[in-house]
Amino acid sequence: MKITREHWLQIDQAFRSSIGQLLDYAHVQCEGPVKLIMFLDDDLDASRVELASKLGISVVVEKTHGHYTVCNPKVNKRVAAIFRT
């Protein structure tokens, strides 16, 4: 899921919207454990990264067009490898 905040959402609002949609989708649409990824366009504070990590959600931030950083690489090593800079 990618939530952009450009022109209308602050990063904390984008995070809340994303996390709710991801958890709802995983619960309603998926059977068994799933790997969830949240794409944002700005850095999160450490507290929100910690929450996403506890819930097993990888947080990926697009720093500049086409350049990504995984905020919590230990959550999913495959995601970390894909977006390794």
PDB file of N, CA and C in Angstrom:
ATOM      1  N   MET A   1       0.845  -1.173   0.000  1.00  0.00           N
ATOM      2  CA  MET A   1       0.000   0.000   0.000  1.00  0.00           C
ATOM      3  C   MET A   1       0.882   1.223   0.000  1.00  0.00           C
ATOM      4  N   LYS A   2       0.567   2.212  -0.824  1.00  0.00           N
ATOM      5  CA  LYS A   2       1.295   3.483  -0.871  1.00  0.00           C
ATOM      6  C   LYS A   2       0.310   4.603  -0.588  1.00  0.00           C
ATOM      7  N   ILE A   3       0.597   5.341   0.460  1.00  0.00           N
ATOM      8  CA  ILE A   3      -0.195   6.528   0.776  1.00  0.00           C
ATOM      9  C   ILE A   3       0.700   7.728   0.574  1.00  0.00           C
ATOM     10  N   THR A   4       0.283   8.639  -0.253  1.00  0.00           N
ATOM     11  CA  THR A   4       1.066   9.854  -0.458  1.00  0.00           C
ATOM     12  C   THR A   4       0.462  10.984   0.345  1.00  0.00           C
ATOM     13  N   ARG A   5       1.300  11.803   0.883  1.00  0.00           N
ATOM     14  CA  ARG A   5       0.807  12.909   1.698  1.00  0.00           C
ATOM     15  C   ARG A   5       0.887  14.238   0.959  1.00  0.00           C
ATOM     16  N   GLU A   6       1.444  14.189  -0.240  1.00  0.00           N
ATOM     17  CA  GLU A   6       1.622  15.428  -0.989  1.00  0.00           C
ATOM     18  C   GLU A   6       0.289  16.165  -1.148  1.00  0.00           C
ATOM     19  N   HIS A   7       0.245  17.359  -0.617  1.00  0.00           N
ATOM     20  CA  HIS A   7      -0.870  18.297  -0.750  1.00  0.00           C
ATOM     21  C   HIS A   7      -2.089  18.011   0.123  1.00  0.00           C
ATOM     22  N   TRP A   8      -2.142  16.849   0.822  1.00  0.00           N
ATOM     23  CA  TRP A   8      -3.373  16.664   1.575  1.00  0.00           C
ATOM     24  C   TRP A   8      -3.255  15.872   2.865  1.00  0.00           C
ATOM     25  N   LEU A   9      -2.261  15.046   3.083  1.00  0.00           N
ATOM     26  CA  LEU A   9      -2.134  14.323   4.349  1.00  0.00           C
ATOM     27  C   LEU A   9      -0.785  14.599   4.999  1.00  0.00           C
ATOM     28  N   GLN A  10      -0.790  14.799   6.292  1.00  0.00           N
ATOM     29  CA  GLN A  10       0.457  14.851   7.052  1.00  0.00           C
ATOM     30  C   GLN A  10       0.954  13.419   7.209  1.00  0.00           C
ATOM     31  N   ILE A  11       2.245  13.240   7.515  1.00  0.00           N
ATOM     32  CA  ILE A  11       2.804  11.894   7.586  1.00  0.00           C
ATOM     33  C   ILE A  11       2.128  11.051   8.667  1.00  0.00           C
ATOM     34  N   ASP A  12       1.759  11.644   9.790  1.00  0.00           N
ATOM     35  CA  ASP A  12       1.081  10.858  10.833  1.00  0.00           C
ATOM     36  C   ASP A  12      -0.303  10.414  10.369  1.00  0.00           C
ATOM     37  N   GLN A  13      -0.988  11.252   9.611  1.00  0.00           N
ATOM     38  CA  GLN A  13      -2.297  10.876   9.071  1.00  0.00           C
ATOM     39  C   GLN A  13      -2.150   9.776   8.019  1.00  0.00           C
ATOM     40  N   ALA A  14      -1.143   9.896   7.176  1.00  0.00           N
ATOM     41  CA  ALA A  14      -0.885   8.873   6.156  1.00  0.00           C
ATOM     42  C   ALA A  14      -0.580   7.530   6.821  1.00  0.00           C
ATOM     43  N   PHE A  15       0.194   7.562   7.900  1.00  0.00           N
ATOM     44  CA  PHE A  15       0.526   6.339   8.633  1.00  0.00           C
ATOM     45  C   PHE A  15      -0.733   5.699   9.206  1.00  0.00           C
ATOM     46  N   ARG A  16      -1.560   6.485   9.880  1.00  0.00           N
ATOM     47  CA  ARG A  16      -2.780   5.930  10.477  1.00  0.00           C
ATOM     48  C   ARG A  16      -3.692   5.337   9.415  1.00  0.00           C
ATOM     49  N   SER A  17      -3.830   6.019   8.316  1.00  0.00           N
ATOM     50  CA  SER A  17      -4.673   5.515   7.235  1.00  0.00           C
ATOM     51  C   SER A  17      -4.111   4.205   6.676  1.00  0.00           C
ATOM     52  N   SER A  18      -2.815   4.177   6.456  1.00  0.00           N
ATOM     53  CA  SER A  18      -2.162   2.980   5.916  1.00  0.00           C
ATOM     54  C   SER A  18      -2.278   1.790   6.844  1.00  0.00           C
ATOM     55  N   ILE A  19      -1.947   2.006   8.105  1.00  0.00           N
ATOM     56  CA  ILE A  19      -1.927   0.884   9.045  1.00  0.00           C
ATOM     57  C   ILE A  19      -3.331   0.286   9.211  1.00  0.00           C
ATOM     58  N   GLY A  20      -4.318   1.132   9.258  1.00  0.00           N
ATOM     59  CA  GLY A  20      -5.688   0.636   9.364  1.00  0.00           C
ATOM     60  C   GLY A  20      -6.101  -0.174   8.148  1.00  0.00           C
ATOM     61  N   GLN A  21      -5.794   0.329   6.981  1.00  0.00           N
ATOM     62  CA  GLN A  21      -6.162  -0.376   5.756  1.00  0.00           C
ATOM     63  C   GLN A  21      -5.409  -1.690   5.620  1.00  0.00           C
ATOM     64  N   LEU A  22      -4.119  -1.693   5.956  1.00  0.00           N
ATOM     65  CA  LEU A  22      -3.339  -2.926   5.867  1.00  0.00           C
ATOM     66  C   LEU A  22      -3.864  -3.998   6.817  1.00  0.00           C
ATOM     67  N   LEU A  23      -4.107  -3.616   8.061  1.00  0.00           N
ATOM     68  CA  LEU A  23      -4.587  -4.594   9.042  1.00  0.00           C
ATOM     69  C   LEU A  23      -5.972  -5.106   8.685  1.00  0.00           C
ATOM     70  N   ASP A  24      -6.830  -4.219   8.231  1.00  0.00           N
ATOM     71  CA  ASP A  24      -8.166  -4.628   7.824  1.00  0.00           C
ATOM     72  C   ASP A  24      -8.097  -5.580   6.630  1.00  0.00           C
ATOM     73  N   TYR A  25      -7.317  -5.236   5.632  1.00  0.00           N
ATOM     74  CA  TYR A  25      -7.194  -6.079   4.439  1.00  0.00           C
ATOM     75  C   TYR A  25      -6.647  -7.450   4.801  1.00  0.00           C
ATOM     76  N   ALA A  26      -5.586  -7.484   5.614  1.00  0.00           N
ATOM     77  CA  ALA A  26      -4.983  -8.762   6.000  1.00  0.00           C
ATOM     78  C   ALA A  26      -5.984  -9.638   6.746  1.00  0.00           C
ATOM     79  N   HIS A  27      -6.772  -9.023   7.605  1.00  0.00           N
ATOM     80  CA  HIS A  27      -7.745  -9.776   8.396  1.00  0.00           C
ATOM     81  C   HIS A  27      -8.899 -10.299   7.539  1.00  0.00           C
ATOM     82  N   VAL A  28      -9.386  -9.486   6.642  1.00  0.00           N
ATOM     83  CA  VAL A  28     -10.579  -9.833   5.863  1.00  0.00           C
ATOM     84  C   VAL A  28     -10.246 -10.666   4.624  1.00  0.00           C
ATOM     85  N   GLN A  29      -9.130 -10.391   3.976  1.00  0.00           N
ATOM     86  CA  GLN A  29      -8.849 -10.992   2.676  1.00  0.00           C
ATOM     87  C   GLN A  29      -7.861 -12.153   2.690  1.00  0.00           C
ATOM     88  N   CYS A  30      -7.096 -12.300   3.762  1.00  0.00           N
ATOM     89  CA  CYS A  30      -6.004 -13.274   3.745  1.00  0.00           C
ATOM     90  C   CYS A  30      -6.195 -14.347   4.811  1.00  0.00           C
ATOM     91  N   GLU A  31      -5.766 -15.540   4.472  1.00  0.00           N
ATOM     92  CA  GLU A  31      -5.773 -16.626   5.441  1.00  0.00           C
ATOM     93  C   GLU A  31      -4.339 -16.846   5.907  1.00  0.00           C
ATOM     94  N   GLY A  32      -4.159 -16.982   7.203  1.00  0.00           N
ATOM     95  CA  GLY A  32      -2.827 -17.237   7.739  1.00  0.00           C
ATOM     96  C   GLY A  32      -1.978 -15.987   7.773  1.00  0.00           C
ATOM     97  N   PRO A  33      -0.716 -16.157   8.148  1.00  0.00           N
ATOM     98  CA  PRO A  33       0.188 -15.005   8.269  1.00  0.00           C
ATOM     99  C   PRO A  33       0.491 -14.384   6.899  1.00  0.00           C
ATOM    100  N   VAL A  34       0.610 -13.085   6.890  1.00  0.00           N
ATOM    101  CA  VAL A  34       0.939 -12.364   5.662  1.00  0.00           C
ATOM    102  C   VAL A  34       2.091 -11.407   5.928  1.00  0.00           C
ATOM    103  N   LYS A  35       2.761 -11.011   4.872  1.00  0.00           N
ATOM    104  CA  LYS A  35       3.827 -10.018   4.945  1.00  0.00           C
ATOM    105  C   LYS A  35       3.255  -8.715   4.405  1.00  0.00           C
ATOM    106  N   LEU A  36       3.219  -7.704   5.236  1.00  0.00           N
ATOM    107  CA  LEU A  36       2.630  -6.423   4.858  1.00  0.00           C
ATOM    108  C   LEU A  36       3.716  -5.373   4.657  1.00  0.00           C
ATOM    109  N   ILE A  37       3.495  -4.488   3.677  1.00  0.00           N
ATOM    110  CA  ILE A  37       4.444  -3.418   3.378  1.00  0.00           C
ATOM    111  C   ILE A  37       3.673  -2.109   3.240  1.00  0.00           C
ATOM    112  N   MET A  38       4.184  -1.085   3.878  1.00  0.00           N
ATOM    113  CA  MET A  38       3.626   0.261   3.798  1.00  0.00           C
ATOM    114  C   MET A  38       4.653   1.146   3.086  1.00  0.00           C
ATOM    115  N   PHE A  39       4.223   1.820   2.023  1.00  0.00           N
ATOM    116  CA  PHE A  39       5.089   2.762   1.324  1.00  0.00           C
ATOM    117  C   PHE A  39       4.651   4.178   1.681  1.00  0.00           C
ATOM    118  N   LEU A  40       5.609   4.994   2.099  1.00  0.00           N
ATOM    119  CA  LEU A  40       5.337   6.391   2.439  1.00  0.00           C
ATOM    120  C   LEU A  40       6.311   7.282   1.676  1.00  0.00           C
ATOM    121  N   ASP A  41       6.036   8.561   1.654  1.00  0.00           N
ATOM    122  CA  ASP A  41       6.927   9.480   0.951  1.00  0.00           C
ATOM    123  C   ASP A  41       7.649  10.444   1.893  1.00  0.00           C
ATOM    124  N   ASP A  42       7.674  10.113   3.185  1.00  0.00           N
ATOM    125  CA  ASP A  42       8.424  10.905   4.156  1.00  0.00           C
ATOM    126  C   ASP A  42       8.749  10.009   5.346  1.00  0.00           C
ATOM    127  N   ASP A  43       9.774  10.383   6.105  1.00  0.00           N
ATOM    128  CA  ASP A  43      10.189   9.592   7.263  1.00  0.00           C
ATOM    129  C   ASP A  43       9.151   9.626   8.369  1.00  0.00           C
ATOM    130  N   LEU A  44       9.078   8.508   9.091  1.00  0.00           N
ATOM    131  CA  LEU A  44       8.227   8.404  10.275  1.00  0.00           C
ATOM    132  C   LEU A  44       9.075   8.614  11.523  1.00  0.00           C
ATOM    133  N   ASP A  45       8.410   8.986  12.609  1.00  0.00           N
ATOM    134  CA  ASP A  45       9.110   9.051  13.886  1.00  0.00           C
ATOM    135  C   ASP A  45       9.338   7.623  14.391  1.00  0.00           C
ATOM    136  N   ALA A  46      10.282   7.475  15.322  1.00  0.00           N
ATOM    137  CA  ALA A  46      10.687   6.162  15.821  1.00  0.00           C
ATOM    138  C   ALA A  46       9.536   5.401  16.468  1.00  0.00           C
ATOM    139  N   SER A  47       8.642   6.104  17.133  1.00  0.00           N
ATOM    140  CA  SER A  47       7.520   5.450  17.797  1.00  0.00           C
ATOM    141  C   SER A  47       6.605   4.750  16.802  1.00  0.00           C
ATOM    142  N   ARG A  48       6.332   5.385  15.684  1.00  0.00           N
ATOM    143  CA  ARG A  48       5.459   4.772  14.670  1.00  0.00           C
ATOM    144  C   ARG A  48       6.164   3.632  13.940  1.00  0.00           C
ATOM    145  N   VAL A  49       7.461   3.773  13.708  1.00  0.00           N
ATOM    146  CA  VAL A  49       8.223   2.672  13.106  1.00  0.00           C
ATOM    147  C   VAL A  49       8.199   1.475  14.053  1.00  0.00           C
ATOM    148  N   GLU A  50       8.330   1.722  15.347  1.00  0.00           N
ATOM    149  CA  GLU A  50       8.281   0.656  16.342  1.00  0.00           C
ATOM    150  C   GLU A  50       6.916  -0.047  16.325  1.00  0.00           C
ATOM    151  N   LEU A  51       5.840   0.724  16.242  1.00  0.00           N
ATOM    152  CA  LEU A  51       4.499   0.143  16.184  1.00  0.00           C
ATOM    153  C   LEU A  51       4.346  -0.727  14.941  1.00  0.00           C
ATOM    154  N   ALA A  52       4.737  -0.218  13.786  1.00  0.00           N
ATOM    155  CA  ALA A  52       4.645  -1.000  12.552  1.00  0.00           C
ATOM    156  C   ALA A  52       5.465  -2.288  12.681  1.00  0.00           C
ATOM    157  N   SER A  53       6.633  -2.185  13.266  1.00  0.00           N
ATOM    158  CA  SER A  53       7.493  -3.359  13.442  1.00  0.00           C
ATOM    159  C   SER A  53       6.824  -4.398  14.331  1.00  0.00           C
ATOM    160  N   LYS A  54       6.225  -3.966  15.422  1.00  0.00           N
ATOM    161  CA  LYS A  54       5.533  -4.892  16.329  1.00  0.00           C
ATOM    162  C   LYS A  54       4.398  -5.612  15.618  1.00  0.00           C
ATOM    163  N   LEU A  55       3.783  -4.940  14.653  1.00  0.00           N
ATOM    164  CA  LEU A  55       2.666  -5.524  13.902  1.00  0.00           C
ATOM    165  C   LEU A  55       3.138  -6.296  12.662  1.00  0.00           C
ATOM    166  N   GLY A  56       4.453  -6.343  12.444  1.00  0.00           N
ATOM    167  CA  GLY A  56       4.996  -7.080  11.312  1.00  0.00           C
ATOM    168  C   GLY A  56       4.837  -6.379   9.986  1.00  0.00           C
ATOM    169  N   ILE A  57       4.749  -5.058  10.006  1.00  0.00           N
ATOM    170  CA  ILE A  57       4.572  -4.271   8.786  1.00  0.00           C
ATOM    171  C   ILE A  57       5.886  -3.598   8.428  1.00  0.00           C
ATOM    172  N   SER A  58       6.401  -3.894   7.240  1.00  0.00           N
ATOM    173  CA  SER A  58       7.597  -3.209   6.752  1.00  0.00           C
ATOM    174  C   SER A  58       7.220  -1.794   6.335  1.00  0.00           C
ATOM    175  N   VAL A  59       8.076  -0.838   6.668  1.00  0.00           N
ATOM    176  CA  VAL A  59       7.853   0.554   6.292  1.00  0.00           C
ATOM    177  C   VAL A  59       8.951   0.965   5.316  1.00  0.00           C
ATOM    178  N   VAL A  60       8.528   1.336   4.105  1.00  0.00           N
ATOM    179  CA  VAL A  60       9.462   1.736   3.057  1.00  0.00           C
ATOM    180  C   VAL A  60       9.163   3.189   2.695  1.00  0.00           C
ATOM    181  N   VAL A  61      10.207   4.008   2.690  1.00  0.00           N
ATOM    182  CA  VAL A  61      10.053   5.432   2.386  1.00  0.00           C
ATOM    183  C   VAL A  61      10.764   5.740   1.077  1.00  0.00           C
ATOM    184  N   GLU A  62      10.054   6.396   0.174  1.00  0.00           N
ATOM    185  CA  GLU A  62      10.666   6.860  -1.067  1.00  0.00           C
ATOM    186  C   GLU A  62      11.305   8.218  -0.781  1.00  0.00           C
ATOM    187  N   LYS A  63      12.642   8.224  -0.652  1.00  0.00           N
ATOM    188  CA  LYS A  63      13.377   9.444  -0.292  1.00  0.00           C
ATOM    189  C   LYS A  63      13.345  10.456  -1.436  1.00  0.00           C
ATOM    190  N   THR A  64      13.690   9.986  -2.603  1.00  0.00           N
ATOM    191  CA  THR A  64      13.581  10.773  -3.833  1.00  0.00           C
ATOM    192  C   THR A  64      13.030   9.815  -4.874  1.00  0.00           C
ATOM    193  N   HIS A  65      12.618  10.325  -5.984  1.00  0.00           N
ATOM    194  CA  HIS A  65      11.989   9.489  -7.007  1.00  0.00           C
ATOM    195  C   HIS A  65      12.862   8.271  -7.327  1.00  0.00           C
ATOM    196  N   GLY A  66      12.334   7.097  -7.004  1.00  0.00           N
ATOM    197  CA  GLY A  66      13.026   5.857  -7.317  1.00  0.00           C
ATOM    198  C   GLY A  66      14.069   5.403  -6.312  1.00  0.00           C
ATOM    199  N   HIS A  67      14.263   6.131  -5.228  1.00  0.00           N
ATOM    200  CA  HIS A  67      15.244   5.770  -4.199  1.00  0.00           C
ATOM    201  C   HIS A  67      14.523   5.529  -2.874  1.00  0.00           C
ATOM    202  N   TYR A  68      14.602   4.293  -2.399  1.00  0.00           N
ATOM    203  CA  TYR A  68      13.817   3.868  -1.244  1.00  0.00           C
ATOM    204  C   TYR A  68      14.706   3.487  -0.066  1.00  0.00           C
ATOM    205  N   THR A  69      14.160   3.638   1.135  1.00  0.00           N
ATOM    206  CA  THR A  69      14.817   3.218   2.364  1.00  0.00           C
ATOM    207  C   THR A  69      13.822   2.405   3.186  1.00  0.00           C
ATOM    208  N   VAL A  70      14.277   1.273   3.702  1.00  0.00           N
ATOM    209  CA  VAL A  70      13.442   0.466   4.592  1.00  0.00           C
ATOM    210  C   VAL A  70      13.734   0.929   6.013  1.00  0.00           C
ATOM    211  N   CYS A  71      12.716   1.408   6.694  1.00  0.00           N
ATOM    212  CA  CYS A  71      12.879   1.956   8.043  1.00  0.00           C
ATOM    213  C   CYS A  71      13.073   0.871   9.095  1.00  0.00           C
ATOM    214  N   ASN A  72      12.575  -0.322   8.835  1.00  0.00           N
ATOM    215  CA  ASN A  72      12.648  -1.423   9.805  1.00  0.00           C
ATOM    216  C   ASN A  72      13.039  -2.727   9.093  1.00  0.00           C
ATOM    217  N   PRO A  73      14.287  -2.819   8.641  1.00  0.00           N
ATOM    218  CA  PRO A  73      14.712  -3.953   7.813  1.00  0.00           C
ATOM    219  C   PRO A  73      14.626  -5.314   8.486  1.00  0.00           C
ATOM    220  N   LYS A  74      14.602  -5.371   9.810  1.00  0.00           N
ATOM    221  CA  LYS A  74      14.542  -6.663  10.499  1.00  0.00           C
ATOM    222  C   LYS A  74      13.172  -7.317  10.403  1.00  0.00           C
ATOM    223  N   VAL A  75      12.145  -6.550  10.060  1.00  0.00           N
ATOM    224  CA  VAL A  75      10.787  -7.098   9.968  1.00  0.00           C
ATOM    225  C   VAL A  75      10.685  -8.111   8.829  1.00  0.00           C
ATOM    226  N   ASN A  76      11.288  -7.791   7.697  1.00  0.00           N
ATOM    227  CA  ASN A  76      11.209  -8.677   6.541  1.00  0.00           C
ATOM    228  C   ASN A  76      12.512  -8.533   5.755  1.00  0.00           C
ATOM    229  N   LYS A  77      13.361  -9.542   5.867  1.00  0.00           N
ATOM    230  CA  LYS A  77      14.680  -9.470   5.224  1.00  0.00           C
ATOM    231  C   LYS A  77      14.591  -9.435   3.704  1.00  0.00           C
ATOM    232  N   ARG A  78      13.555 -10.039   3.152  1.00  0.00           N
ATOM    233  CA  ARG A  78      13.374  -9.981   1.691  1.00  0.00           C
ATOM    234  C   ARG A  78      13.103  -8.557   1.222  1.00  0.00           C
ATOM    235  N   VAL A  79      12.239  -7.859   1.951  1.00  0.00           N
ATOM    236  CA  VAL A  79      11.950  -6.467   1.612  1.00  0.00           C
ATOM    237  C   VAL A  79      13.227  -5.639   1.745  1.00  0.00           C
ATOM    238  N   ALA A  80      13.964  -5.863   2.816  1.00  0.00           N
ATOM    239  CA  ALA A  80      15.221  -5.133   3.030  1.00  0.00           C
ATOM    240  C   ALA A  80      16.195  -5.381   1.887  1.00  0.00           C
ATOM    241  N   ALA A  81      16.255  -6.623   1.392  1.00  0.00           N
ATOM    242  CA  ALA A  81      17.163  -6.937   0.296  1.00  0.00           C
ATOM    243  C   ALA A  81      16.736  -6.274  -1.015  1.00  0.00           C
ATOM    244  N   ILE A  82      15.444  -6.230  -1.245  1.00  0.00           N
ATOM    245  CA  ILE A  82      14.937  -5.613  -2.483  1.00  0.00           C
ATOM    246  C   ILE A  82      15.264  -4.122  -2.523  1.00  0.00           C
ATOM    247  N   PHE A  83      15.113  -3.453  -1.384  1.00  0.00           N
ATOM    248  CA  PHE A  83      15.287  -2.008  -1.346  1.00  0.00           C
ATOM    249  C   PHE A  83      16.642  -1.593  -0.767  1.00  0.00           C
ATOM    250  N   ARG A  84      17.601  -2.506  -0.783  1.00  0.00           N
ATOM    251  CA  ARG A  84      18.940  -2.202  -0.284  1.00  0.00           C
ATOM    252  C   ARG A  84      19.568  -1.122  -1.167  1.00  0.00           C
ATOM    253  N   THR A  85      20.133  -0.117  -0.499  1.00  0.00           N
ATOM    254  CA  THR A  85      20.754   0.980  -1.267  1.00  0.00           C
ATOM    255  C   THR A  85      22.255   0.845  -1.285  1.00  0.00           C
TER     256      THR A  85
END
